[in-house]
C-alpha atoms as a PDB file:
ATOM      1  CA  MET A   1      52.292  -5.841 -24.859  1.00  0.00           C
ATOM      2  CA  LEU A   2      48.544  -6.064 -24.242  1.00  0.00           C
ATOM      3  CA  VAL A   3      49.000  -8.974 -21.832  1.00  0.00           C
ATOM      4  CA  SER A   4      51.642  -6.994 -19.902  1.00  0.00           C
ATOM      5  CA  LEU A   5      49.312  -4.011 -19.562  1.00  0.00           C
ATOM      6  CA  LEU A   6      46.490  -6.248 -18.401  1.00  0.00           C
ATOM      7  CA  MET A   7      48.708  -7.969 -15.820  1.00  0.00           C
ATOM      8  CA  ALA A   8      49.986  -4.603 -14.534  1.00  0.00           C
ATOM      9  CA  SER A   9      46.418  -3.381 -14.166  1.00  0.00           C
ATOM     10  CA  LEU A  10      45.376  -6.526 -12.277  1.00  0.00           C
ATOM     11  CA  LEU A  11      48.403  -6.265  -9.994  1.00  0.00           C
ATOM     12  CA  LYS A  12      47.673  -2.614  -9.246  1.00  0.00           C
ATOM     13  CA  SER A  13      44.050  -3.457  -8.449  1.00  0.00           C
ATOM     14  CA  ALA A  14      45.067  -6.304  -6.129  1.00  0.00           C
ATOM     15  CA  LEU A  15      47.521  -4.069  -4.263  1.00  0.00           C
ATOM     16  CA  LEU A  16      44.902  -1.357  -3.878  1.00  0.00           C
ATOM     17  CA  GLN A  17      42.376  -3.852  -2.474  1.00  0.00           C
ATOM     18  CA  ARG A  18      44.952  -5.199  -0.032  1.00  0.00           C
ATOM     19  CA  ARG A  19      45.779  -1.695   1.196  1.00  0.00           C
ATOM     20  CA  GLN A  20      42.083  -0.911   1.657  1.00  0.00           C
ATOM     21  CA  MET A  21      41.571  -4.128   3.609  1.00  0.00           C
ATOM     22  CA  MET A  22      44.489  -3.289   5.930  1.00  0.00           C
ATOM     23  CA  LYS A  23      43.075   0.203   6.542  1.00  0.00           C
ATOM     24  CA  GLU A  24      39.759  -1.332   7.528  1.00  0.00           C
ATOM     25  CA  GLN A  25      41.498  -3.788   9.891  1.00  0.00           C
ATOM     26  CA  PHE A  26      43.389  -0.893  11.510  1.00  0.00           C
ATOM     27  CA  ARG A  27      40.167   1.100  11.910  1.00  0.00           C
ATOM     28  CA  VAL A  28      38.353  -1.782  13.600  1.00  0.00           C
ATOM     29  CA  GLN A  29      41.308  -2.496  15.907  1.00  0.00           C
ATOM     30  CA  ALA A  30      41.521   1.204  16.847  1.00  0.00           C
ATOM     31  CA  GLU A  31      37.811   1.182  17.765  1.00  0.00           C
ATOM     32  CA  TRP A  32      38.308  -1.844  20.040  1.00  0.00           C
ATOM     33  CA  ILE A  33      41.316  -0.247  21.728  1.00  0.00           C
ATOM     34  CA  LEU A  34      39.312   2.948  22.196  1.00  0.00           C
ATOM     35  CA  GLU A  35      36.495   1.139  24.005  1.00  0.00           C
ATOM     36  CA  SER A  36      39.038  -0.756  26.120  1.00  0.00           C
ATOM     37  CA  ALA A  37      40.773   2.497  27.065  1.00  0.00           C
ATOM     38  CA  LEU A  38      37.493   4.003  28.285  1.00  0.00           C
ATOM     39  CA  GLU A  39      36.752   0.900  30.343  1.00  0.00           C
ATOM     40  CA  ARG A  40      40.296   0.916  31.706  1.00  0.00           C
ATOM     41  CA  ALA A  41      39.940   4.552  32.762  1.00  0.00           C
ATOM     42  CA  ALA A  42      36.657   3.914  34.575  1.00  0.00           C
ATOM     43  CA  LEU A  43      38.153   0.924  36.413  1.00  0.00           C
ATOM     44  CA  GLN A  44      41.313   2.816  37.365  1.00  0.00           C
ATOM     45  CA  ARG A  45      39.201   5.710  38.671  1.00  0.00           C
ATOM     46  CA  LEU A  46      37.186   3.315  40.839  1.00  0.00           C
ATOM     47  CA  LYS A  47      40.411   1.897  42.272  1.00  0.00           C
ATOM     48  CA  ASP A  48      42.068   5.283  42.758  1.00  0.00           C
ATOM     49  CA  PRO A  49      39.979   8.491  43.022  1.00  0.00           C
ATOM     50  CA  LYS A  50      43.134  10.534  42.255  1.00  0.00           C
ATOM     51  CA  TYR A  51      43.633   8.848  38.873  1.00  0.00           C
ATOM     52  CA  GLN A  52      43.809  11.563  36.197  1.00  0.00           C
ATOM     53  CA  GLY A  53      44.793   9.500  33.176  1.00  0.00           C
ATOM     54  CA  GLU A  54      47.807   8.024  31.446  1.00  0.00           C
ATOM     55  CA  VAL A  55      49.351   7.087  28.161  1.00  0.00           C
ATOM     56  CA  TRP A  56      48.541   3.404  27.844  1.00  0.00           C
ATOM     57  CA  LYS A  57      51.047   1.581  25.636  1.00  0.00           C
ATOM     58  CA  ILE A  58      49.809  -1.732  24.281  1.00  0.00           C
ATOM     59  CA  ASN A  59      52.356  -4.150  22.876  1.00  0.00           C
ATOM     60  CA  PRO A  60      51.690  -6.320  19.829  1.00  0.00           C
ATOM     61  CA  VAL A  61      51.628  -9.557  21.843  1.00  0.00           C
ATOM     62  CA  ASP A  62      48.742  -8.285  23.981  1.00  0.00           C
ATOM     63  CA  LEU A  63      46.855  -7.266  20.845  1.00  0.00           C
ATOM     64  CA  GLY A  64      47.618 -10.476  18.998  1.00  0.00           C
ATOM     65  CA  THR A  65      48.950  -8.517  16.032  1.00  0.00           C
ATOM     66  CA  ARG A  66      52.262  -7.370  14.566  1.00  0.00           C
ATOM     67  CA  TYR A  67      51.648  -3.774  15.602  1.00  0.00           C
ATOM     68  CA  ALA A  68      51.674  -1.844  18.878  1.00  0.00           C
ATOM     69  CA  GLY A  69      49.084   0.747  19.799  1.00  0.00           C
ATOM     70  CA  SER A  70      48.619   3.493  22.350  1.00  0.00           C
ATOM     71  CA  ALA A  71      45.798   5.314  24.066  1.00  0.00           C
ATOM     72  CA  GLU A  72      46.078   8.717  25.704  1.00  0.00           C
ATOM     73  CA  ILE A  73      43.534   8.789  28.526  1.00  0.00           C
ATOM     74  CA  THR A  74      42.490  12.026  30.239  1.00  0.00           C
ATOM     75  CA  LEU A  75      40.052  12.489  33.118  1.00  0.00           C
ATOM     76  CA  LYS A  76      38.739  15.820  34.357  1.00  0.00           C
ATOM     77  CA  PRO A  77      35.696  17.219  36.136  1.00  0.00           C
ATOM     78  CA  ALA A  78      32.647  17.609  33.911  1.00  0.00           C
ATOM     79  CA  GLY A  79      30.956  20.910  34.551  1.00  0.00           C
ATOM     80  CA  LYS A  80      30.346  22.442  37.960  1.00  0.00           C
ATOM     81  CA  ASP A  81      29.356  19.205  39.661  1.00  0.00           C
ATOM     82  CA  ASP A  82      32.418  17.376  41.034  1.00  0.00           C
ATOM     83  CA  ARG A  83      30.526  14.102  41.023  1.00  0.00           C
ATOM     84  CA  LEU A  84      30.658  13.931  37.211  1.00  0.00           C
ATOM     85  CA  ILE A  85      33.881  13.232  35.372  1.00  0.00           C
ATOM     86  CA  SER A  86      34.748  13.450  31.706  1.00  0.00           C
ATOM     87  CA  ILE A  87      36.846  10.617  30.316  1.00  0.00           C
ATOM     88  CA  GLU A  88      38.504  11.184  26.964  1.00  0.00           C
ATOM     89  CA  ALA A  89      40.564   8.608  25.128  1.00  0.00           C
ATOM     90  CA  ARG A  90      42.589   9.154  21.980  1.00  0.00           C
ATOM     91  CA  VAL A  91      43.914   6.033  20.274  1.00  0.00           C
ATOM     92  CA  LYS A  92      46.592   5.658  17.632  1.00  0.00           C
ATOM     93  CA  TYR A  93      46.916   2.305  15.906  1.00  0.00           C
ATOM     94  CA  PRO A  94      49.282   1.051  14.697  1.00  0.00           C
ATOM     95  CA  GLU A  95      52.140   3.088  16.078  1.00  0.00           C
ATOM     96  CA  LYS A  96      55.267   3.879  14.092  1.00  0.00           C
ATOM     97  CA  THR A  97      53.940   2.931  10.673  1.00  0.00           C
ATOM     98  CA  THR A  98      53.447   4.959   7.521  1.00  0.00           C
ATOM     99  CA  PHE A  99      49.682   4.685   7.886  1.00  0.00           C
ATOM    100  CA  SER A 100      47.873   4.735  11.216  1.00  0.00           C
ATOM    101  CA  VAL A 101      44.353   5.348  12.428  1.00  0.00           C
ATOM    102  CA  THR A 102      43.522   7.854  15.172  1.00  0.00           C
ATOM    103  CA  ARG A 103      40.208   7.758  17.019  1.00  0.00           C
ATOM    104  CA  THR A 104      38.927   9.889  19.894  1.00  0.00           C
ATOM    105  CA  LYS A 105      35.923   9.404  22.129  1.00  0.00           C
ATOM    106  CA  LYS A 106      34.654  11.235  25.194  1.00  0.00           C
ATOM    107  CA  VAL A 107      32.154  10.045  27.817  1.00  0.00           C
ATOM    108  CA  VAL A 108      30.809  11.656  30.979  1.00  0.00           C
ATOM    109  CA  LEU A 109      30.216   9.511  34.054  1.00  0.00           C
END
């Protein structure tokens, strides 16, 4: 009985550590996608001054993972000066799973 309780406790601890490790992997991947989305938005704006944003869907093959991700990119004027633009990206990774990470970042260029 004691051995069974000990094994159950060890199993529970191992599962908890695995879940925590996956959450950390998702967080790091979401941060990388977020930075890529901001860079993508700046490049698209340079190519097309009318670019206002998009929902960027990233498939698992492009990410090198089992999970897809997405970034909602929005551009708008920053303040009264039309020369400055605000770029905001909101990332969700992974998509369509029970646990996902959402990150948002805004920059003014």
